[in-house]
Amino acid sequence: MILMKTKTTNKKSNKHGQYNHNPLVKRFIIICGLPASGKSLAEKVCKKLDIASFEMSKILKNFIKKSSDENIKKHKSKNLRELGHLIRELYGKDFVAKLTLNEIKKRKVNVGVIIGSRNIEEIEYFKNALGKNNVVVVYIEVEEMLRLERWIKRNKNSDPKNLEQANQMTINELNYGITEIKKKADVVVKNNGTEKEFLNNIEDIIYKNIKF
């Protein structure tokens, strides 16, 4: 694809130099990985690069907050992870992807990063809706014991409190289909080092896969 350079007065600088968003290009990166792999750190990079980001867990949380569905209301005591599974069972495995696409259209975004896809059905939905050649899937891989330790230490409400819980919750995630995403990912990036190293790697991946 040949890209045309556009003039703008709103240039940003980073280690790659100056760049412009090309309004003629549609390009999305989907960041995936098991819990505590580092997905949410991608949002920091998006802010730095001035790229739109769509964190699917936040979009899901907003939907739950506004929902009048009785099945959801009566399970609001569950944590977000459990409610996410329930909603995907009720409405379909690609339902949160549909909510996310609605947000993308609402914001009229052609270039962005989608964070937190959980199953291959969501990936296929995005590819069909946004164009197969316009979507790059990035899977974050972390050495397992390190990931489990980070997960427990993170200590969010929905996080495991001990290693036994972490292992069981990981099995649930794997059963839900994230393994298929890893198999079909365009890029696999490791996050076994420091946060700074990982942020630099994610920045490189985003810059190389989204054209400016």
N, C-alpha and C. Protein backbone atom coordinates (compact mmCIF):
# COMPACT_ATOMS: atom_id res chain seq x y z
N MET A 1 0.84 -1.19 0.00
CA MET A 1 0.00 0.00 0.00
C MET A 1 0.88 1.24 0.00
N ILE A 2 0.61 2.18 -0.92
CA ILE A 2 1.36 3.42 -0.99
C ILE A 2 0.65 4.47 -0.17
N LEU A 3 1.35 5.08 0.75
CA LEU A 3 0.75 6.05 1.64
C LEU A 3 1.16 7.46 1.24
N MET A 4 0.21 8.39 1.26
CA MET A 4 0.48 9.78 0.94
C MET A 4 0.78 10.55 2.21
N LYS A 5 1.84 11.32 2.21
CA LYS A 5 2.16 12.14 3.37
C LYS A 5 1.21 13.33 3.43
N THR A 6 0.79 13.65 4.63
CA THR A 6 -0.12 14.78 4.80
C THR A 6 0.53 15.82 5.67
N LYS A 7 0.25 17.08 5.38
CA LYS A 7 0.80 18.17 6.18
C LYS A 7 -0.07 18.41 7.39
N THR A 8 0.55 18.68 8.51
CA THR A 8 -0.18 18.97 9.73
C THR A 8 0.68 19.81 10.64
N THR A 9 0.05 20.58 11.49
CA THR A 9 0.79 21.37 12.46
C THR A 9 0.79 20.71 13.83
N ASN A 10 0.19 19.53 13.91
CA ASN A 10 0.07 18.83 15.19
C ASN A 10 0.98 17.62 15.22
N LYS A 11 2.27 17.83 15.00
CA LYS A 11 3.23 16.73 14.98
C LYS A 11 3.69 16.40 16.38
N LYS A 12 3.94 15.13 16.59
CA LYS A 12 4.46 14.70 17.88
C LYS A 12 5.83 14.07 17.64
N SER A 13 6.70 14.15 18.62
CA SER A 13 8.03 13.58 18.50
C SER A 13 8.16 12.37 19.42
N ASN A 14 8.89 11.37 18.97
CA ASN A 14 9.19 10.22 19.78
C ASN A 14 10.51 9.66 19.28
N LYS A 15 10.93 8.53 19.76
CA LYS A 15 12.25 8.01 19.39
C LYS A 15 12.35 7.68 17.90
N HIS A 16 11.19 7.55 17.24
CA HIS A 16 11.20 7.27 15.81
C HIS A 16 11.25 8.55 14.97
N GLY A 17 11.22 9.71 15.62
CA GLY A 17 11.18 10.97 14.89
C GLY A 17 9.77 11.51 14.85
N GLN A 18 9.51 12.43 13.93
CA GLN A 18 8.19 13.01 13.79
C GLN A 18 7.34 12.18 12.85
N TYR A 19 6.02 12.19 13.08
CA TYR A 19 5.14 11.42 12.21
C TYR A 19 3.79 12.09 12.12
N ASN A 20 3.06 11.72 11.09
CA ASN A 20 1.69 12.20 10.90
C ASN A 20 0.77 11.00 10.80
N HIS A 21 -0.43 11.11 11.33
CA HIS A 21 -1.46 10.12 11.04
C HIS A 21 -1.94 10.37 9.62
N ASN A 22 -2.03 9.33 8.83
CA ASN A 22 -2.56 9.46 7.47
C ASN A 22 -4.06 9.19 7.52
N PRO A 23 -4.90 10.18 7.26
CA PRO A 23 -6.36 10.00 7.38
C PRO A 23 -6.94 9.04 6.35
N LEU A 24 -6.15 8.67 5.33
CA LEU A 24 -6.65 7.76 4.30
C LEU A 24 -6.47 6.30 4.68
N VAL A 25 -5.75 6.06 5.77
CA VAL A 25 -5.41 4.69 6.16
C VAL A 25 -6.32 4.18 7.27
N LYS A 26 -6.81 2.96 7.12
CA LYS A 26 -7.53 2.28 8.20
C LYS A 26 -6.61 1.18 8.71
N ARG A 27 -6.27 1.24 10.00
CA ARG A 27 -5.32 0.27 10.55
C ARG A 27 -5.58 0.10 12.04
N PHE A 28 -5.74 -1.13 12.49
CA PHE A 28 -5.99 -1.42 13.90
C PHE A 28 -5.08 -2.53 14.38
N ILE A 29 -4.58 -2.37 15.58
CA ILE A 29 -3.81 -3.42 16.25
C ILE A 29 -4.65 -3.93 17.41
N ILE A 30 -4.73 -5.25 17.55
CA ILE A 30 -5.46 -5.86 18.67
C ILE A 30 -4.43 -6.48 19.61
N ILE A 31 -4.41 -6.02 20.85
CA ILE A 31 -3.47 -6.51 21.86
C ILE A 31 -4.17 -7.56 22.71
N CYS A 32 -3.59 -8.76 22.76
CA CYS A 32 -4.21 -9.88 23.49
C CYS A 32 -3.18 -10.52 24.43
N GLY A 33 -3.68 -11.29 25.37
CA GLY A 33 -2.81 -12.01 26.29
C GLY A 33 -3.57 -12.44 27.52
N LEU A 34 -2.99 -13.35 28.26
CA LEU A 34 -3.60 -13.81 29.51
C LEU A 34 -3.60 -12.68 30.54
N PRO A 35 -4.39 -12.80 31.60
CA PRO A 35 -4.41 -11.77 32.64
C PRO A 35 -3.01 -11.50 33.20
N ALA A 36 -2.72 -10.22 33.45
CA ALA A 36 -1.44 -9.78 34.01
C ALA A 36 -0.27 -9.99 33.05
N SER A 37 -0.57 -10.10 31.77
CA SER A 37 0.52 -10.22 30.79
C SER A 37 1.08 -8.86 30.41
N GLY A 38 0.31 -7.80 30.63
CA GLY A 38 0.78 -6.45 30.33
C GLY A 38 -0.04 -5.71 29.31
N LYS A 39 -1.25 -6.20 29.04
CA LYS A 39 -2.09 -5.58 27.99
C LYS A 39 -2.38 -4.11 28.27
N SER A 40 -2.72 -3.80 29.53
CA SER A 40 -3.13 -2.43 29.85
C SER A 40 -1.99 -1.43 29.68
N LEU A 41 -0.74 -1.91 29.70
CA LEU A 41 0.39 -1.01 29.50
C LEU A 41 0.41 -0.43 28.09
N ALA A 42 -0.25 -1.12 27.17
CA ALA A 42 -0.32 -0.62 25.79
C ALA A 42 -1.02 0.72 25.73
N GLU A 43 -1.94 0.97 26.67
CA GLU A 43 -2.66 2.24 26.68
C GLU A 43 -1.70 3.41 26.94
N LYS A 44 -0.68 3.18 27.75
CA LYS A 44 0.33 4.22 27.99
C LYS A 44 1.03 4.60 26.70
N VAL A 45 1.35 3.58 25.90
CA VAL A 45 2.04 3.82 24.63
C VAL A 45 1.13 4.58 23.67
N CYS A 46 -0.15 4.21 23.66
CA CYS A 46 -1.10 4.90 22.78
C CYS A 46 -1.20 6.37 23.12
N LYS A 47 -1.21 6.69 24.41
CA LYS A 47 -1.27 8.09 24.81
C LYS A 47 -0.01 8.83 24.38
N LYS A 48 1.12 8.17 24.51
CA LYS A 48 2.39 8.78 24.11
C LYS A 48 2.43 9.05 22.61
N LEU A 49 1.91 8.11 21.83
CA LEU A 49 1.94 8.23 20.37
C LEU A 49 0.73 8.96 19.81
N ASP A 50 -0.18 9.35 20.70
CA ASP A 50 -1.40 10.05 20.28
C ASP A 50 -2.24 9.18 19.35
N ILE A 51 -2.42 7.93 19.74
CA ILE A 51 -3.21 6.97 18.98
C ILE A 51 -4.43 6.58 19.82
N ALA A 52 -5.57 6.50 19.19
CA ALA A 52 -6.79 6.10 19.90
C ALA A 52 -6.67 4.68 20.43
N SER A 53 -7.13 4.46 21.65
CA SER A 53 -7.13 3.11 22.22
C SER A 53 -8.52 2.77 22.71
N PHE A 54 -8.83 1.48 22.66
CA PHE A 54 -10.15 0.99 23.06
C PHE A 54 -9.94 -0.23 23.95
N GLU A 55 -10.05 -0.01 25.26
CA GLU A 55 -9.86 -1.12 26.20
C GLU A 55 -11.20 -1.82 26.39
N MET A 56 -11.26 -3.06 25.94
CA MET A 56 -12.53 -3.77 25.89
C MET A 56 -13.15 -3.98 27.27
N SER A 57 -12.31 -4.13 28.30
CA SER A 57 -12.86 -4.32 29.64
C SER A 57 -13.58 -3.06 30.13
N LYS A 58 -13.08 -1.88 29.76
CA LYS A 58 -13.74 -0.63 30.13
C LYS A 58 -15.05 -0.46 29.39
N ILE A 59 -15.05 -0.84 28.12
CA ILE A 59 -16.28 -0.76 27.32
C ILE A 59 -17.33 -1.72 27.87
N LEU A 60 -16.89 -2.91 28.26
CA LEU A 60 -17.80 -3.89 28.87
C LEU A 60 -18.34 -3.37 30.20
N LYS A 61 -17.48 -2.78 31.00
CA LYS A 61 -17.90 -2.24 32.30
C LYS A 61 -18.96 -1.17 32.13
N ASN A 62 -18.80 -0.33 31.14
CA ASN A 62 -19.76 0.73 30.87
C ASN A 62 -21.11 0.15 30.42
N PHE A 63 -21.04 -0.91 29.61
CA PHE A 63 -22.27 -1.58 29.17
C PHE A 63 -23.02 -2.16 30.36
N ILE A 64 -22.29 -2.82 31.26
CA ILE A 64 -22.91 -3.42 32.44
C ILE A 64 -23.58 -2.35 33.30
N LYS A 65 -22.90 -1.25 33.46
CA LYS A 65 -23.42 -0.15 34.27
C LYS A 65 -24.75 0.38 33.75
N LYS A 66 -24.88 0.43 32.43
CA LYS A 66 -26.09 0.99 31.81
C LYS A 66 -27.15 -0.05 31.49
N SER A 67 -26.81 -1.32 31.57
CA SER A 67 -27.72 -2.38 31.12
C SER A 67 -28.96 -2.51 32.00
N SER A 68 -30.09 -2.74 31.35
CA SER A 68 -31.34 -2.99 32.07
C SER A 68 -31.73 -4.47 32.01
N ASP A 69 -30.85 -5.28 31.43
CA ASP A 69 -31.10 -6.72 31.31
C ASP A 69 -31.16 -7.35 32.70
N GLU A 70 -32.26 -8.04 33.01
CA GLU A 70 -32.45 -8.65 34.33
C GLU A 70 -31.39 -9.70 34.63
N ASN A 71 -30.95 -10.44 33.60
CA ASN A 71 -29.92 -11.46 33.80
C ASN A 71 -28.61 -10.85 34.26
N ILE A 72 -28.33 -9.65 33.79
CA ILE A 72 -27.11 -8.96 34.19
C ILE A 72 -27.29 -8.31 35.56
N LYS A 73 -28.45 -7.69 35.77
CA LYS A 73 -28.72 -7.02 37.04
C LYS A 73 -28.58 -7.95 38.24
N LYS A 74 -29.10 -9.15 38.09
CA LYS A 74 -29.08 -10.06 39.23
C LYS A 74 -27.71 -10.68 39.49
N HIS A 75 -26.75 -10.44 38.55
CA HIS A 75 -25.40 -10.97 38.74
C HIS A 75 -24.37 -9.85 38.93
N LYS A 76 -24.86 -8.64 39.24
CA LYS A 76 -23.95 -7.50 39.35
C LYS A 76 -22.97 -7.63 40.52
N SER A 77 -23.24 -8.55 41.42
CA SER A 77 -22.31 -8.76 42.53
C SER A 77 -21.05 -9.51 42.08
N LYS A 78 -21.13 -10.13 40.91
CA LYS A 78 -19.97 -10.83 40.37
C LYS A 78 -18.92 -9.82 39.94
N ASN A 79 -17.65 -10.25 39.87
CA ASN A 79 -16.62 -9.34 39.39
C ASN A 79 -16.68 -9.23 37.87
N LEU A 80 -15.94 -8.28 37.32
CA LEU A 80 -16.02 -7.98 35.89
C LEU A 80 -15.64 -9.18 35.03
N ARG A 81 -14.66 -9.94 35.47
CA ARG A 81 -14.23 -11.10 34.69
C ARG A 81 -15.35 -12.14 34.58
N GLU A 82 -16.01 -12.40 35.69
CA GLU A 82 -17.11 -13.37 35.70
C GLU A 82 -18.30 -12.86 34.89
N LEU A 83 -18.60 -11.56 35.02
CA LEU A 83 -19.70 -10.98 34.26
C LEU A 83 -19.39 -11.00 32.77
N GLY A 84 -18.12 -10.81 32.43
CA GLY A 84 -17.73 -10.86 31.02
C GLY A 84 -18.02 -12.22 30.42
N HIS A 85 -17.70 -13.27 31.14
CA HIS A 85 -18.01 -14.63 30.67
C HIS A 85 -19.52 -14.82 30.52
N LEU A 86 -20.28 -14.34 31.52
CA LEU A 86 -21.74 -14.49 31.49
C LEU A 86 -22.33 -13.77 30.28
N ILE A 87 -21.90 -12.54 30.05
CA ILE A 87 -22.44 -11.75 28.94
C ILE A 87 -22.12 -12.39 27.60
N ARG A 88 -20.92 -12.93 27.47
CA ARG A 88 -20.56 -13.60 26.22
C ARG A 88 -21.40 -14.87 26.01
N GLU A 89 -21.77 -15.51 27.11
CA GLU A 89 -22.65 -16.68 27.00
C GLU A 89 -24.07 -16.26 26.61
N LEU A 90 -24.52 -15.14 27.16
CA LEU A 90 -25.88 -14.67 26.90
C LEU A 90 -26.05 -14.10 25.48
N TYR A 91 -25.08 -13.30 25.06
CA TYR A 91 -25.22 -12.54 23.82
C TYR A 91 -24.35 -13.03 22.68
N GLY A 92 -23.41 -13.91 22.97
CA GLY A 92 -22.51 -14.41 21.94
C GLY A 92 -21.07 -14.04 22.25
N LYS A 93 -20.15 -14.88 21.81
CA LYS A 93 -18.75 -14.69 22.14
C LYS A 93 -18.16 -13.43 21.52
N ASP A 94 -18.79 -12.92 20.47
CA ASP A 94 -18.27 -11.71 19.82
C ASP A 94 -19.00 -10.44 20.27
N PHE A 95 -19.83 -10.54 21.31
CA PHE A 95 -20.66 -9.41 21.70
C PHE A 95 -19.84 -8.20 22.15
N VAL A 96 -18.80 -8.43 22.94
CA VAL A 96 -17.99 -7.30 23.42
C VAL A 96 -17.22 -6.67 22.26
N ALA A 97 -16.89 -7.47 21.27
CA ALA A 97 -16.26 -6.93 20.06
C ALA A 97 -17.24 -5.99 19.34
N LYS A 98 -18.51 -6.36 19.32
CA LYS A 98 -19.53 -5.51 18.70
C LYS A 98 -19.67 -4.19 19.46
N LEU A 99 -19.65 -4.26 20.79
CA LEU A 99 -19.70 -3.04 21.59
C LEU A 99 -18.50 -2.15 21.28
N THR A 100 -17.36 -2.78 21.13
CA THR A 100 -16.12 -2.04 20.85
C THR A 100 -16.17 -1.38 19.47
N LEU A 101 -16.68 -2.11 18.49
CA LEU A 101 -16.80 -1.53 17.15
C LEU A 101 -17.75 -0.34 17.15
N ASN A 102 -18.82 -0.43 17.93
CA ASN A 102 -19.75 0.70 18.05
C ASN A 102 -19.03 1.94 18.58
N GLU A 103 -18.14 1.72 19.55
CA GLU A 103 -17.37 2.83 20.12
C GLU A 103 -16.39 3.40 19.09
N ILE A 104 -15.78 2.53 18.31
CA ILE A 104 -14.87 2.97 17.25
C ILE A 104 -15.60 3.85 16.24
N LYS A 105 -16.80 3.40 15.84
CA LYS A 105 -17.60 4.17 14.89
C LYS A 105 -18.07 5.48 15.50
N LYS A 106 -18.45 5.43 16.76
CA LYS A 106 -18.92 6.64 17.45
C LYS A 106 -17.83 7.71 17.48
N ARG A 107 -16.60 7.28 17.70
CA ARG A 107 -15.47 8.21 17.76
C ARG A 107 -14.87 8.51 16.39
N LYS A 108 -15.40 7.85 15.36
CA LYS A 108 -14.96 8.05 13.97
C LYS A 108 -13.45 7.88 13.82
N VAL A 109 -12.99 6.73 14.32
CA VAL A 109 -11.56 6.43 14.33
C VAL A 109 -11.21 5.44 13.21
N ASN A 110 -10.16 5.73 12.47
CA ASN A 110 -9.68 4.83 11.43
C ASN A 110 -8.37 4.14 11.79
N VAL A 111 -7.69 4.67 12.81
CA VAL A 111 -6.41 4.13 13.25
C VAL A 111 -6.45 4.01 14.77
N GLY A 112 -6.22 2.80 15.30
CA GLY A 112 -6.30 2.65 16.74
C GLY A 112 -5.81 1.31 17.24
N VAL A 113 -5.81 1.18 18.55
CA VAL A 113 -5.38 -0.04 19.22
C VAL A 113 -6.52 -0.55 20.09
N ILE A 114 -6.88 -1.81 19.87
CA ILE A 114 -7.93 -2.48 20.64
C ILE A 114 -7.24 -3.37 21.66
N ILE A 115 -7.61 -3.22 22.93
CA ILE A 115 -6.89 -3.92 24.00
C ILE A 115 -7.81 -4.91 24.71
N GLY A 116 -7.40 -6.18 24.72
CA GLY A 116 -8.08 -7.15 25.59
C GLY A 116 -9.04 -8.12 24.94
N SER A 117 -8.87 -8.43 23.68
CA SER A 117 -9.73 -9.45 23.06
C SER A 117 -9.50 -10.79 23.75
N ARG A 118 -10.58 -11.55 23.98
CA ARG A 118 -10.49 -12.75 24.81
C ARG A 118 -10.64 -14.06 24.05
N ASN A 119 -11.18 -14.02 22.83
CA ASN A 119 -11.39 -15.28 22.12
C ASN A 119 -11.29 -15.05 20.61
N ILE A 120 -11.18 -16.13 19.87
CA ILE A 120 -10.96 -16.03 18.43
C ILE A 120 -12.19 -15.49 17.71
N GLU A 121 -13.38 -15.68 18.29
CA GLU A 121 -14.59 -15.14 17.67
C GLU A 121 -14.53 -13.61 17.61
N GLU A 122 -13.99 -13.00 18.65
CA GLU A 122 -13.83 -11.54 18.65
C GLU A 122 -12.85 -11.10 17.57
N ILE A 123 -11.75 -11.83 17.45
CA ILE A 123 -10.75 -11.50 16.43
C ILE A 123 -11.36 -11.58 15.04
N GLU A 124 -12.09 -12.66 14.78
CA GLU A 124 -12.71 -12.83 13.46
C GLU A 124 -13.74 -11.74 13.19
N TYR A 125 -14.46 -11.34 14.22
CA TYR A 125 -15.44 -10.26 14.04
C TYR A 125 -14.75 -8.96 13.64
N PHE A 126 -13.67 -8.62 14.34
CA PHE A 126 -12.94 -7.40 14.00
C PHE A 126 -12.38 -7.45 12.58
N LYS A 127 -11.86 -8.60 12.20
CA LYS A 127 -11.29 -8.72 10.86
C LYS A 127 -12.36 -8.56 9.79
N ASN A 128 -13.51 -9.14 10.02
CA ASN A 128 -14.61 -9.02 9.06
C ASN A 128 -15.13 -7.59 8.99
N ALA A 129 -15.22 -6.93 10.14
CA ALA A 129 -15.79 -5.59 10.20
C ALA A 129 -14.82 -4.51 9.74
N LEU A 130 -13.54 -4.68 10.05
CA LEU A 130 -12.55 -3.64 9.77
C LEU A 130 -11.71 -3.93 8.54
N GLY A 131 -11.79 -5.17 8.06
CA GLY A 131 -10.99 -5.57 6.91
C GLY A 131 -9.80 -6.40 7.37
N LYS A 132 -9.69 -7.61 6.85
CA LYS A 132 -8.65 -8.54 7.28
C LYS A 132 -7.26 -7.93 7.17
N ASN A 133 -7.00 -7.20 6.09
CA ASN A 133 -5.68 -6.63 5.87
C ASN A 133 -5.42 -5.38 6.70
N ASN A 134 -6.44 -4.92 7.41
CA ASN A 134 -6.30 -3.71 8.23
C ASN A 134 -6.09 -4.02 9.71
N VAL A 135 -6.03 -5.30 10.05
CA VAL A 135 -5.95 -5.71 11.45
C VAL A 135 -4.68 -6.52 11.70
N VAL A 136 -3.94 -6.14 12.74
CA VAL A 136 -2.75 -6.87 13.17
C VAL A 136 -3.00 -7.36 14.60
N VAL A 137 -2.83 -8.65 14.81
CA VAL A 137 -3.07 -9.24 16.14
C VAL A 137 -1.73 -9.45 16.84
N VAL A 138 -1.60 -8.85 18.03
CA VAL A 138 -0.39 -8.96 18.83
C VAL A 138 -0.70 -9.73 20.11
N TYR A 139 0.04 -10.79 20.36
CA TYR A 139 -0.17 -11.60 21.57
C TYR A 139 1.02 -11.40 22.50
N ILE A 140 0.72 -11.10 23.77
CA ILE A 140 1.76 -10.90 24.78
C ILE A 140 1.98 -12.20 25.53
N GLU A 141 3.23 -12.63 25.58
CA GLU A 141 3.58 -13.88 26.24
C GLU A 141 4.51 -13.59 27.42
N VAL A 142 4.20 -14.22 28.56
CA VAL A 142 5.00 -14.03 29.76
C VAL A 142 5.32 -15.41 30.35
N GLU A 143 6.54 -15.56 30.84
CA GLU A 143 6.89 -16.79 31.55
C GLU A 143 5.85 -17.02 32.64
N GLU A 144 5.31 -18.25 32.71
CA GLU A 144 4.08 -18.49 33.47
C GLU A 144 4.18 -18.14 34.94
N MET A 145 5.22 -18.57 35.62
CA MET A 145 5.30 -18.27 37.05
C MET A 145 5.43 -16.77 37.30
N LEU A 146 6.14 -16.09 36.44
CA LEU A 146 6.27 -14.63 36.56
C LEU A 146 4.92 -13.95 36.38
N ARG A 147 4.15 -14.42 35.40
CA ARG A 147 2.83 -13.84 35.16
C ARG A 147 1.91 -14.06 36.35
N LEU A 148 1.93 -15.27 36.92
CA LEU A 148 1.08 -15.57 38.07
C LEU A 148 1.46 -14.71 39.27
N GLU A 149 2.75 -14.51 39.48
CA GLU A 149 3.21 -13.67 40.58
C GLU A 149 2.75 -12.23 40.39
N ARG A 150 2.86 -11.73 39.18
CA ARG A 150 2.41 -10.37 38.89
C ARG A 150 0.90 -10.25 39.09
N TRP A 151 0.19 -11.29 38.70
CA TRP A 151 -1.28 -11.27 38.78
C TRP A 151 -1.72 -11.17 40.23
N ILE A 152 -1.13 -12.00 41.09
CA ILE A 152 -1.49 -11.98 42.52
C ILE A 152 -1.09 -10.65 43.16
N LYS A 153 0.07 -10.17 42.79
CA LYS A 153 0.59 -8.92 43.36
C LYS A 153 -0.25 -7.72 42.94
N ARG A 154 -0.83 -7.78 41.73
CA ARG A 154 -1.62 -6.66 41.21
C ARG A 154 -2.80 -6.35 42.12
N ASN A 155 -3.46 -7.39 42.61
CA ASN A 155 -4.46 -7.26 43.69
C ASN A 155 -5.70 -6.43 43.33
N LYS A 156 -6.17 -6.56 42.09
CA LYS A 156 -7.47 -5.98 41.76
C LYS A 156 -8.57 -6.86 42.36
N ASN A 157 -9.80 -6.35 42.40
CA ASN A 157 -10.90 -7.10 43.00
C ASN A 157 -11.10 -8.46 42.34
N SER A 158 -10.90 -8.52 41.03
CA SER A 158 -11.15 -9.76 40.30
C SER A 158 -9.91 -10.64 40.20
N ASP A 159 -8.80 -10.23 40.80
CA ASP A 159 -7.55 -10.99 40.71
C ASP A 159 -7.50 -12.11 41.75
N PRO A 160 -6.74 -13.16 41.46
CA PRO A 160 -6.60 -14.26 42.43
C PRO A 160 -5.82 -13.81 43.65
N LYS A 161 -6.09 -14.47 44.77
CA LYS A 161 -5.44 -14.11 46.02
C LYS A 161 -4.26 -15.02 46.34
N ASN A 162 -4.18 -16.14 45.63
CA ASN A 162 -3.08 -17.08 45.86
C ASN A 162 -2.80 -17.86 44.58
N LEU A 163 -1.76 -18.66 44.62
CA LEU A 163 -1.32 -19.39 43.43
C LEU A 163 -2.35 -20.41 42.96
N GLU A 164 -3.04 -21.04 43.88
CA GLU A 164 -4.05 -22.03 43.52
C GLU A 164 -5.19 -21.37 42.72
N GLN A 165 -5.66 -20.24 43.21
CA GLN A 165 -6.71 -19.51 42.49
C GLN A 165 -6.21 -19.05 41.12
N ALA A 166 -4.98 -18.58 41.07
CA ALA A 166 -4.41 -18.09 39.81
C ALA A 166 -4.35 -19.20 38.77
N ASN A 167 -3.95 -20.39 39.19
CA ASN A 167 -3.88 -21.52 38.27
C ASN A 167 -5.26 -21.90 37.74
N GLN A 168 -6.26 -21.93 38.63
CA GLN A 168 -7.61 -22.30 38.21
C GLN A 168 -8.20 -21.25 37.28
N MET A 169 -7.98 -19.98 37.59
CA MET A 169 -8.50 -18.92 36.74
C MET A 169 -7.81 -18.91 35.38
N THR A 170 -6.55 -19.30 35.35
CA THR A 170 -5.83 -19.42 34.08
C THR A 170 -6.43 -20.52 33.23
N ILE A 171 -6.76 -21.64 33.84
CA ILE A 171 -7.40 -22.74 33.12
C ILE A 171 -8.71 -22.28 32.51
N ASN A 172 -9.48 -21.49 33.26
CA ASN A 172 -10.75 -20.96 32.74
C ASN A 172 -10.52 -20.08 31.52
N GLU A 173 -9.49 -19.24 31.59
CA GLU A 173 -9.17 -18.36 30.46
C GLU A 173 -8.76 -19.17 29.23
N LEU A 174 -7.95 -20.18 29.45
CA LEU A 174 -7.49 -21.02 28.34
C LEU A 174 -8.65 -21.77 27.71
N ASN A 175 -9.55 -22.25 28.55
CA ASN A 175 -10.73 -22.97 28.04
C ASN A 175 -11.64 -22.05 27.24
N TYR A 176 -11.59 -20.76 27.54
CA TYR A 176 -12.47 -19.82 26.86
C TYR A 176 -12.02 -19.51 25.44
N GLY A 177 -10.75 -19.82 25.12
CA GLY A 177 -10.35 -19.73 23.72
C GLY A 177 -9.18 -18.84 23.39
N ILE A 178 -8.49 -18.31 24.40
CA ILE A 178 -7.40 -17.39 24.09
C ILE A 178 -6.21 -18.09 23.43
N THR A 179 -6.11 -19.42 23.64
CA THR A 179 -5.02 -20.17 23.01
C THR A 179 -5.08 -20.08 21.49
N GLU A 180 -6.29 -20.05 20.95
CA GLU A 180 -6.45 -19.95 19.49
C GLU A 180 -5.96 -18.60 18.98
N ILE A 181 -6.10 -17.57 19.80
CA ILE A 181 -5.59 -16.26 19.40
C ILE A 181 -4.07 -16.31 19.27
N LYS A 182 -3.42 -16.91 20.24
CA LYS A 182 -1.95 -17.02 20.20
C LYS A 182 -1.49 -17.74 18.95
N LYS A 183 -2.19 -18.82 18.59
CA LYS A 183 -1.80 -19.60 17.40
C LYS A 183 -1.88 -18.77 16.13
N LYS A 184 -2.84 -17.84 16.08
CA LYS A 184 -3.08 -17.09 14.86
C LYS A 184 -2.57 -15.64 14.92
N ALA A 185 -1.85 -15.32 15.99
CA ALA A 185 -1.35 -13.95 16.14
C ALA A 185 -0.33 -13.62 15.06
N ASP A 186 -0.32 -12.37 14.63
CA ASP A 186 0.67 -11.90 13.66
C ASP A 186 2.01 -11.63 14.33
N VAL A 187 1.95 -11.20 15.59
CA VAL A 187 3.16 -10.87 16.35
C VAL A 187 3.02 -11.43 17.75
N VAL A 188 4.07 -12.08 18.25
CA VAL A 188 4.12 -12.51 19.65
C VAL A 188 5.26 -11.75 20.31
N VAL A 189 4.94 -11.02 21.38
CA VAL A 189 5.95 -10.23 22.08
C VAL A 189 6.07 -10.73 23.52
N LYS A 190 7.29 -10.87 24.00
CA LYS A 190 7.52 -11.37 25.35
C LYS A 190 7.58 -10.21 26.34
N ASN A 191 7.11 -10.45 27.55
CA ASN A 191 7.13 -9.45 28.61
C ASN A 191 7.70 -10.08 29.88
N ASN A 192 8.97 -10.47 29.81
CA ASN A 192 9.63 -11.10 30.95
C ASN A 192 10.63 -10.17 31.63
N GLY A 193 10.83 -8.98 31.06
CA GLY A 193 11.81 -8.05 31.61
C GLY A 193 11.17 -6.92 32.38
N THR A 194 11.77 -5.75 32.29
CA THR A 194 11.26 -4.59 33.00
C THR A 194 10.10 -3.96 32.25
N GLU A 195 9.33 -3.14 32.97
CA GLU A 195 8.22 -2.44 32.33
C GLU A 195 8.73 -1.52 31.21
N LYS A 196 9.84 -0.86 31.45
CA LYS A 196 10.40 0.05 30.44
C LYS A 196 10.76 -0.70 29.17
N GLU A 197 11.36 -1.87 29.30
CA GLU A 197 11.72 -2.68 28.13
C GLU A 197 10.47 -3.08 27.35
N PHE A 198 9.45 -3.47 28.08
CA PHE A 198 8.22 -3.91 27.43
C PHE A 198 7.53 -2.75 26.73
N LEU A 199 7.47 -1.59 27.38
CA LEU A 199 6.86 -0.42 26.76
C LEU A 199 7.58 -0.04 25.47
N ASN A 200 8.89 -0.12 25.47
CA ASN A 200 9.66 0.16 24.26
C ASN A 200 9.34 -0.83 23.16
N ASN A 201 9.21 -2.10 23.52
CA ASN A 201 8.88 -3.14 22.53
C ASN A 201 7.49 -2.90 21.94
N ILE A 202 6.52 -2.57 22.80
CA ILE A 202 5.16 -2.32 22.32
C ILE A 202 5.14 -1.08 21.42
N GLU A 203 5.89 -0.06 21.80
CA GLU A 203 5.96 1.14 20.97
C GLU A 203 6.50 0.81 19.58
N ASP A 204 7.55 0.00 19.54
CA ASP A 204 8.13 -0.40 18.25
C ASP A 204 7.11 -1.15 17.40
N ILE A 205 6.39 -2.07 18.05
CA ILE A 205 5.40 -2.88 17.32
C ILE A 205 4.28 -2.01 16.77
N ILE A 206 3.77 -1.12 17.62
CA ILE A 206 2.69 -0.24 17.17
C ILE A 206 3.18 0.65 16.03
N TYR A 207 4.36 1.22 16.18
CA TYR A 207 4.86 2.12 15.15
C TYR A 207 5.07 1.40 13.82
N LYS A 208 5.59 0.18 13.88
CA LYS A 208 5.88 -0.56 12.65
C LYS A 208 4.62 -1.07 11.95
N ASN A 209 3.57 -1.30 12.73
CA ASN A 209 2.37 -1.93 12.17
C ASN A 209 1.22 -0.96 11.91
N ILE A 210 1.34 0.27 12.40
CA ILE A 210 0.38 1.31 12.05
C ILE A 210 1.12 2.35 11.22
N LYS A 211 0.66 2.60 10.02
CA LYS A 211 1.37 3.50 9.12
C LYS A 211 1.03 4.94 9.43
N PHE A 212 2.02 5.78 9.36
CA PHE A 212 1.85 7.20 9.63
C PHE A 212 2.23 8.02 8.39
